[in-house]
N, C-alpha and C. Protein backbone atom coordinates (compact mmCIF):
# COMPACT_ATOMS: atom_id res chain seq x y z
N MET A 1 14.92 45.85 -35.39
CA MET A 1 15.41 46.08 -34.06
C MET A 1 16.51 47.13 -34.09
N SER A 2 16.43 48.05 -33.16
CA SER A 2 17.47 49.06 -33.08
C SER A 2 18.62 48.55 -32.20
N ARG A 3 19.80 49.02 -32.48
CA ARG A 3 20.96 48.61 -31.71
C ARG A 3 21.18 49.60 -30.58
N ARG A 4 21.60 49.10 -29.46
CA ARG A 4 21.91 49.97 -28.31
C ARG A 4 23.24 50.67 -28.54
N SER A 5 23.33 51.88 -28.10
CA SER A 5 24.59 52.59 -28.23
C SER A 5 25.58 52.04 -27.20
N ARG A 6 26.85 52.29 -27.43
CA ARG A 6 27.88 51.79 -26.52
C ARG A 6 27.81 52.49 -25.18
N ALA A 7 27.35 53.75 -25.17
CA ALA A 7 27.30 54.50 -23.91
C ALA A 7 26.33 53.85 -22.94
N VAL A 8 25.19 53.39 -23.44
CA VAL A 8 24.21 52.76 -22.56
C VAL A 8 24.77 51.46 -22.00
N SER A 9 25.43 50.67 -22.84
CA SER A 9 25.96 49.41 -22.35
C SER A 9 27.13 49.64 -21.39
N ALA A 10 27.91 50.69 -21.63
CA ALA A 10 29.02 50.98 -20.72
C ALA A 10 28.52 51.36 -19.34
N ILE A 11 27.43 52.12 -19.28
CA ILE A 11 26.85 52.48 -17.98
C ILE A 11 26.37 51.24 -17.25
N GLY A 12 25.76 50.32 -17.98
CA GLY A 12 25.29 49.09 -17.37
C GLY A 12 26.42 48.28 -16.78
N ILE A 13 27.58 48.29 -17.42
CA ILE A 13 28.73 47.55 -16.92
C ILE A 13 29.25 48.20 -15.64
N LEU A 14 29.28 49.53 -15.60
CA LEU A 14 29.79 50.22 -14.43
C LEU A 14 28.91 50.02 -13.21
N GLU A 15 27.59 49.90 -13.42
CA GLU A 15 26.67 49.79 -12.30
C GLU A 15 26.39 48.34 -11.90
N ARG A 16 27.17 47.40 -12.41
CA ARG A 16 26.94 45.99 -12.09
C ARG A 16 27.29 45.73 -10.63
N ARG A 17 26.38 45.07 -9.92
CA ARG A 17 26.61 44.76 -8.51
C ARG A 17 27.51 43.55 -8.38
N PRO A 18 28.35 43.54 -7.35
CA PRO A 18 29.11 42.32 -7.10
C PRO A 18 28.18 41.19 -6.64
N ASN A 19 28.65 39.98 -6.76
CA ASN A 19 27.79 38.83 -6.47
C ASN A 19 27.79 38.54 -4.97
N ILE A 20 27.01 39.32 -4.23
CA ILE A 20 26.89 39.16 -2.79
C ILE A 20 25.57 38.45 -2.50
N PRO A 21 25.59 37.40 -1.69
CA PRO A 21 24.33 36.70 -1.41
C PRO A 21 23.34 37.59 -0.65
N ARG A 22 22.12 37.61 -1.14
CA ARG A 22 21.06 38.41 -0.51
C ARG A 22 20.41 37.55 0.57
N THR A 23 20.75 37.82 1.82
CA THR A 23 20.29 36.96 2.91
C THR A 23 19.51 37.71 3.98
N ILE A 24 19.28 39.01 3.81
CA ILE A 24 18.59 39.79 4.84
C ILE A 24 17.17 40.02 4.36
N ASN A 25 16.22 39.34 4.98
CA ASN A 25 14.83 39.35 4.53
C ASN A 25 14.08 40.58 5.01
N VAL A 26 12.97 40.85 4.32
CA VAL A 26 12.05 41.88 4.81
C VAL A 26 11.45 41.37 6.12
N GLY A 27 11.42 42.23 7.12
CA GLY A 27 10.94 41.85 8.45
C GLY A 27 12.07 41.55 9.42
N SER A 28 13.31 41.53 8.94
CA SER A 28 14.45 41.25 9.82
C SER A 28 14.71 42.43 10.75
N LEU A 29 15.18 42.11 11.95
CA LEU A 29 15.57 43.13 12.91
C LEU A 29 17.09 43.26 12.91
N LEU A 30 17.58 44.49 12.73
CA LEU A 30 19.02 44.74 12.65
C LEU A 30 19.43 45.76 13.69
N PRO A 31 20.64 45.64 14.23
CA PRO A 31 21.14 46.73 15.09
C PRO A 31 21.56 47.92 14.23
N CYS A 32 21.41 49.10 14.78
CA CYS A 32 21.82 50.33 14.10
C CYS A 32 23.24 50.65 14.54
N ALA A 33 24.15 50.83 13.57
CA ALA A 33 25.57 50.98 13.88
C ALA A 33 26.04 52.42 13.81
N ASP A 34 25.18 53.38 14.15
CA ASP A 34 25.61 54.77 14.17
C ASP A 34 25.18 55.42 15.47
N ASN A 35 25.50 56.70 15.64
CA ASN A 35 25.17 57.39 16.88
C ASN A 35 23.93 58.28 16.74
N SER A 36 22.97 57.85 15.92
CA SER A 36 21.73 58.61 15.75
C SER A 36 20.77 58.41 16.93
N GLY A 37 20.99 57.40 17.75
CA GLY A 37 20.11 57.12 18.88
C GLY A 37 19.27 55.87 18.67
N ALA A 38 19.03 55.50 17.42
CA ALA A 38 18.27 54.28 17.12
C ALA A 38 19.11 53.07 17.50
N GLN A 39 18.47 52.06 18.06
CA GLN A 39 19.19 50.85 18.47
C GLN A 39 18.80 49.63 17.66
N LEU A 40 17.51 49.51 17.31
CA LEU A 40 17.02 48.33 16.61
C LEU A 40 16.16 48.77 15.43
N LEU A 41 16.46 48.24 14.24
CA LEU A 41 15.74 48.60 13.02
C LEU A 41 15.04 47.38 12.45
N LYS A 42 13.85 47.60 11.87
CA LYS A 42 13.11 46.52 11.20
C LYS A 42 12.97 46.88 9.73
N ILE A 43 13.39 45.97 8.85
CA ILE A 43 13.33 46.22 7.41
C ILE A 43 11.89 46.06 6.94
N ILE A 44 11.40 47.07 6.21
CA ILE A 44 10.04 46.98 5.67
C ILE A 44 10.02 46.93 4.14
N GLN A 45 11.13 47.34 3.49
CA GLN A 45 11.19 47.32 2.03
C GLN A 45 12.64 47.38 1.59
N VAL A 46 12.93 46.73 0.46
CA VAL A 46 14.26 46.78 -0.14
C VAL A 46 14.12 47.55 -1.46
N HIS A 47 14.91 48.59 -1.62
CA HIS A 47 14.81 49.42 -2.82
C HIS A 47 15.63 48.83 -3.96
N GLY A 48 15.05 48.85 -5.17
CA GLY A 48 15.77 48.44 -6.37
C GLY A 48 15.90 46.95 -6.57
N VAL A 49 15.10 46.14 -5.88
CA VAL A 49 15.19 44.69 -6.04
C VAL A 49 13.94 44.22 -6.77
N LYS A 50 14.18 43.52 -7.88
CA LYS A 50 13.05 42.97 -8.64
C LYS A 50 13.03 41.48 -8.41
N THR A 51 11.90 40.95 -8.00
CA THR A 51 11.79 39.52 -7.74
C THR A 51 10.63 38.95 -8.54
N ARG A 52 10.56 37.66 -8.59
CA ARG A 52 9.44 37.03 -9.27
C ARG A 52 8.28 36.87 -8.30
N ARG A 53 7.18 36.35 -8.77
CA ARG A 53 5.98 36.24 -7.97
C ARG A 53 6.20 35.33 -6.76
N ARG A 54 5.72 35.77 -5.61
CA ARG A 54 5.79 35.07 -4.33
C ARG A 54 7.21 34.92 -3.79
N GLN A 55 8.13 35.66 -4.32
CA GLN A 55 9.49 35.63 -3.79
C GLN A 55 9.71 36.90 -2.97
N HIS A 56 10.20 36.73 -1.76
CA HIS A 56 10.39 37.88 -0.88
C HIS A 56 11.62 38.68 -1.29
N PRO A 57 11.52 40.00 -1.29
CA PRO A 57 12.72 40.79 -1.58
C PRO A 57 13.71 40.69 -0.43
N CYS A 58 14.97 40.52 -0.76
CA CYS A 58 16.03 40.39 0.23
C CYS A 58 17.10 41.42 -0.04
N ALA A 59 17.87 41.76 0.98
CA ALA A 59 18.92 42.77 0.88
C ALA A 59 20.29 42.14 1.13
N ALA A 60 21.32 42.85 0.71
CA ALA A 60 22.71 42.46 0.94
C ALA A 60 23.50 43.70 1.32
N VAL A 61 24.79 43.54 1.48
CA VAL A 61 25.65 44.67 1.85
C VAL A 61 25.60 45.74 0.76
N GLY A 62 25.41 46.98 1.19
CA GLY A 62 25.37 48.10 0.26
C GLY A 62 24.01 48.47 -0.25
N ASP A 63 22.98 47.70 0.10
CA ASP A 63 21.63 47.98 -0.40
C ASP A 63 20.95 49.06 0.43
N LEU A 64 20.10 49.84 -0.25
CA LEU A 64 19.26 50.83 0.41
C LEU A 64 17.95 50.16 0.78
N VAL A 65 17.54 50.28 2.04
CA VAL A 65 16.31 49.67 2.51
C VAL A 65 15.48 50.71 3.26
N SER A 66 14.18 50.45 3.33
CA SER A 66 13.31 51.26 4.18
C SER A 66 13.15 50.52 5.50
N VAL A 67 13.26 51.25 6.60
CA VAL A 67 13.20 50.65 7.92
C VAL A 67 12.30 51.47 8.84
N THR A 68 11.92 50.85 9.94
CA THR A 68 11.31 51.57 11.05
C THR A 68 12.16 51.30 12.28
N VAL A 69 12.20 52.26 13.17
CA VAL A 69 12.98 52.10 14.40
C VAL A 69 12.10 51.41 15.42
N LYS A 70 12.55 50.27 15.93
CA LYS A 70 11.79 49.51 16.92
C LYS A 70 12.23 49.82 18.34
N LYS A 71 13.49 50.23 18.51
CA LYS A 71 13.99 50.57 19.83
C LYS A 71 14.87 51.80 19.69
N GLY A 72 14.50 52.86 20.38
CA GLY A 72 15.25 54.10 20.30
C GLY A 72 14.40 55.27 20.77
N PRO A 73 14.83 56.50 20.49
CA PRO A 73 14.09 57.68 20.93
C PRO A 73 12.71 57.76 20.28
N ILE A 74 11.79 58.39 20.97
CA ILE A 74 10.40 58.44 20.51
C ILE A 74 10.26 59.25 19.22
N ASP A 75 11.15 60.22 18.98
CA ASP A 75 11.02 61.01 17.76
C ASP A 75 11.46 60.25 16.51
N LEU A 76 12.21 59.14 16.66
CA LEU A 76 12.61 58.32 15.52
C LEU A 76 11.67 57.15 15.28
N ARG A 77 10.88 56.77 16.27
CA ARG A 77 10.06 55.56 16.16
C ARG A 77 8.81 55.79 15.33
N LYS A 78 8.27 54.66 14.79
CA LYS A 78 7.00 54.60 14.07
C LYS A 78 6.96 55.50 12.84
N LYS A 79 8.11 55.70 12.19
CA LYS A 79 8.18 56.45 10.94
C LYS A 79 9.04 55.67 9.96
N PRO A 80 8.63 55.60 8.71
CA PRO A 80 9.51 54.94 7.73
C PRO A 80 10.73 55.81 7.44
N MET A 81 11.88 55.19 7.43
CA MET A 81 13.15 55.88 7.16
C MET A 81 13.97 55.03 6.20
N HIS A 82 15.04 55.61 5.70
CA HIS A 82 15.96 54.90 4.82
C HIS A 82 17.20 54.48 5.61
N ALA A 83 17.76 53.35 5.23
CA ALA A 83 18.99 52.86 5.85
C ALA A 83 19.81 52.12 4.79
N VAL A 84 21.09 51.98 5.06
CA VAL A 84 22.01 51.24 4.18
C VAL A 84 22.64 50.13 4.99
N ILE A 85 22.66 48.93 4.43
CA ILE A 85 23.28 47.77 5.08
C ILE A 85 24.80 47.91 4.94
N ILE A 86 25.52 47.87 6.06
CA ILE A 86 26.98 48.03 6.01
C ILE A 86 27.74 46.75 6.36
N ARG A 87 27.09 45.78 7.01
CA ARG A 87 27.73 44.50 7.36
C ARG A 87 26.70 43.39 7.24
N GLN A 88 27.17 42.16 6.97
CA GLN A 88 26.30 40.99 7.05
C GLN A 88 27.09 39.79 7.51
N LYS A 89 26.38 38.88 8.21
CA LYS A 89 27.02 37.68 8.76
C LYS A 89 27.37 36.66 7.69
N LYS A 90 26.54 36.53 6.69
CA LYS A 90 26.73 35.52 5.65
C LYS A 90 28.01 35.80 4.86
N PRO A 91 28.93 34.83 4.79
CA PRO A 91 30.18 35.07 4.04
C PRO A 91 29.93 35.16 2.54
N TRP A 92 30.72 35.99 1.87
CA TRP A 92 30.67 36.07 0.42
C TRP A 92 32.08 36.17 -0.12
N ARG A 93 32.22 35.85 -1.41
CA ARG A 93 33.52 35.81 -2.06
C ARG A 93 33.70 37.05 -2.90
N ARG A 94 34.83 37.72 -2.71
CA ARG A 94 35.15 38.91 -3.50
C ARG A 94 35.81 38.49 -4.81
N PRO A 95 35.83 39.38 -5.81
CA PRO A 95 36.44 39.00 -7.11
C PRO A 95 37.91 38.63 -7.02
N ASP A 96 38.63 39.11 -5.99
CA ASP A 96 40.05 38.74 -5.87
C ASP A 96 40.24 37.37 -5.21
N GLY A 97 39.15 36.70 -4.82
CA GLY A 97 39.23 35.35 -4.27
C GLY A 97 39.14 35.27 -2.76
N THR A 98 39.15 36.38 -2.06
CA THR A 98 39.06 36.35 -0.60
C THR A 98 37.61 36.20 -0.16
N TRP A 99 37.43 35.54 0.95
CA TRP A 99 36.10 35.39 1.55
C TRP A 99 36.02 36.34 2.73
N ILE A 100 34.86 36.97 2.90
CA ILE A 100 34.69 37.94 3.99
C ILE A 100 33.35 37.71 4.66
N MET A 101 33.35 37.89 5.99
CA MET A 101 32.12 37.84 6.78
C MET A 101 32.33 38.71 8.01
N PHE A 102 31.23 39.10 8.67
CA PHE A 102 31.30 39.92 9.86
C PHE A 102 30.62 39.20 11.02
N GLU A 103 30.85 39.70 12.23
CA GLU A 103 30.24 39.10 13.41
C GLU A 103 28.74 39.32 13.46
N ASP A 104 28.27 40.45 12.90
CA ASP A 104 26.84 40.75 12.95
C ASP A 104 26.42 41.40 11.65
N THR A 105 25.10 41.57 11.51
CA THR A 105 24.52 42.29 10.39
C THR A 105 24.07 43.63 10.93
N ALA A 106 24.45 44.72 10.27
CA ALA A 106 24.11 46.04 10.81
C ALA A 106 23.81 47.01 9.67
N ALA A 107 23.12 48.10 10.04
CA ALA A 107 22.75 49.14 9.08
C ALA A 107 22.95 50.51 9.71
N VAL A 108 22.98 51.54 8.87
CA VAL A 108 23.04 52.92 9.35
C VAL A 108 21.90 53.71 8.71
N LEU A 109 21.36 54.66 9.46
CA LEU A 109 20.25 55.48 8.96
C LEU A 109 20.79 56.56 8.03
N VAL A 110 20.08 56.78 6.92
CA VAL A 110 20.42 57.84 5.98
C VAL A 110 19.16 58.65 5.68
N THR A 111 19.36 59.87 5.18
CA THR A 111 18.24 60.72 4.78
C THR A 111 17.83 60.34 3.36
N PRO A 112 16.67 60.80 2.90
CA PRO A 112 16.29 60.51 1.49
C PRO A 112 17.27 61.08 0.47
N GLU A 113 18.06 62.10 0.86
CA GLU A 113 19.07 62.67 -0.03
C GLU A 113 20.40 61.92 0.06
N GLU A 114 20.41 60.78 0.76
CA GLU A 114 21.56 59.89 0.91
C GLU A 114 22.67 60.47 1.77
N ASP A 115 22.34 61.38 2.70
CA ASP A 115 23.28 61.86 3.71
C ASP A 115 23.11 61.02 4.97
N LEU A 116 24.16 60.88 5.76
CA LEU A 116 24.06 60.17 7.03
C LEU A 116 23.26 61.01 8.03
N LYS A 117 22.42 60.34 8.81
CA LYS A 117 21.73 61.05 9.90
C LYS A 117 22.65 61.26 11.09
N ALA A 118 23.63 60.40 11.24
CA ALA A 118 24.54 60.46 12.38
C ALA A 118 25.88 61.05 11.94
N THR A 119 26.78 61.18 12.92
CA THR A 119 28.09 61.74 12.63
C THR A 119 29.20 60.69 12.62
N GLU A 120 28.96 59.53 13.24
CA GLU A 120 29.99 58.49 13.23
C GLU A 120 29.34 57.12 13.12
N ILE A 121 30.14 56.15 12.66
CA ILE A 121 29.67 54.78 12.49
C ILE A 121 30.48 53.89 13.42
N LYS A 122 29.79 53.02 14.17
CA LYS A 122 30.46 52.11 15.09
C LYS A 122 30.81 50.82 14.36
N GLY A 123 32.05 50.40 14.50
CA GLY A 123 32.46 49.14 13.92
C GLY A 123 32.89 49.27 12.47
N PRO A 124 33.30 48.14 11.87
CA PRO A 124 33.79 48.18 10.49
C PRO A 124 32.66 48.30 9.47
N VAL A 125 33.03 48.75 8.27
CA VAL A 125 32.10 48.88 7.15
C VAL A 125 32.67 48.06 6.00
N ALA A 126 31.82 47.33 5.29
CA ALA A 126 32.27 46.55 4.14
C ALA A 126 32.71 47.47 3.01
N ARG A 127 33.73 47.05 2.28
CA ARG A 127 34.26 47.87 1.19
C ARG A 127 33.21 48.09 0.09
N GLU A 128 32.35 47.09 -0.12
CA GLU A 128 31.31 47.21 -1.15
C GLU A 128 30.33 48.33 -0.81
N ALA A 129 29.99 48.47 0.47
CA ALA A 129 29.09 49.55 0.88
C ALA A 129 29.80 50.90 0.82
N ALA A 130 31.08 50.93 1.16
CA ALA A 130 31.83 52.19 1.14
C ALA A 130 32.03 52.70 -0.28
N GLU A 131 32.23 51.80 -1.25
CA GLU A 131 32.40 52.22 -2.64
C GLU A 131 31.10 52.76 -3.22
N ARG A 132 29.98 52.16 -2.82
CA ARG A 132 28.69 52.58 -3.36
C ARG A 132 28.16 53.85 -2.70
N TRP A 133 28.50 54.08 -1.42
CA TRP A 133 28.01 55.23 -0.66
C TRP A 133 29.21 56.02 -0.13
N PRO A 134 29.68 57.04 -0.84
CA PRO A 134 30.89 57.76 -0.42
C PRO A 134 30.74 58.50 0.91
N ARG A 135 29.55 58.93 1.25
CA ARG A 135 29.37 59.64 2.53
C ARG A 135 29.49 58.68 3.71
N ILE A 136 29.14 57.44 3.50
CA ILE A 136 29.33 56.42 4.54
C ILE A 136 30.83 56.13 4.67
N ALA A 137 31.55 56.11 3.56
CA ALA A 137 32.99 55.88 3.61
C ALA A 137 33.70 56.98 4.36
N ASN A 138 33.23 58.23 4.23
CA ASN A 138 33.86 59.35 4.95
C ASN A 138 33.67 59.22 6.46
N ALA A 139 32.52 58.73 6.89
CA ALA A 139 32.22 58.64 8.32
C ALA A 139 32.76 57.35 8.95
N ALA A 140 33.14 56.37 8.13
CA ALA A 140 33.57 55.08 8.66
C ALA A 140 34.98 55.19 9.26
N SER A 141 35.17 54.51 10.41
CA SER A 141 36.50 54.48 11.00
C SER A 141 37.33 53.34 10.44
N ILE A 142 36.68 52.21 10.11
CA ILE A 142 37.38 51.04 9.56
C ILE A 142 36.62 50.57 8.33
N ILE A 143 37.32 50.40 7.22
CA ILE A 143 36.72 49.83 6.00
C ILE A 143 37.45 48.53 5.72
N VAL A 144 36.68 47.44 5.67
CA VAL A 144 37.26 46.10 5.48
C VAL A 144 36.92 45.61 4.08
């Protein structure tokens, strides 16, 4: 057996996700929290989630998901797009011991190159999503 180099293991440590409960299922309807014109989004896929057989992929704060616009302008509807979850209702515990939850679960539309489609974000953004997506942090008015 070959030994892994320290560089590979160090990268794995840096990319470790915080322990946020994955409670947003595929098929969920979410409000869109930006000024792109989309109002209601439906999750069709969660990127980067590996599950076992017959287990549905679920998303949490900071995850990249594929969505379709269910309510909004006709040019945005009926096309698969990317979005990032910025808030969730389910409370979770941060490593410093504080518990955090939001009033609603919301997402913002992003391009495949991970740029925001909109120019501003309505409402607060979770710190976990802002750390993972710096362009969302730049557009956010409140980071909690």
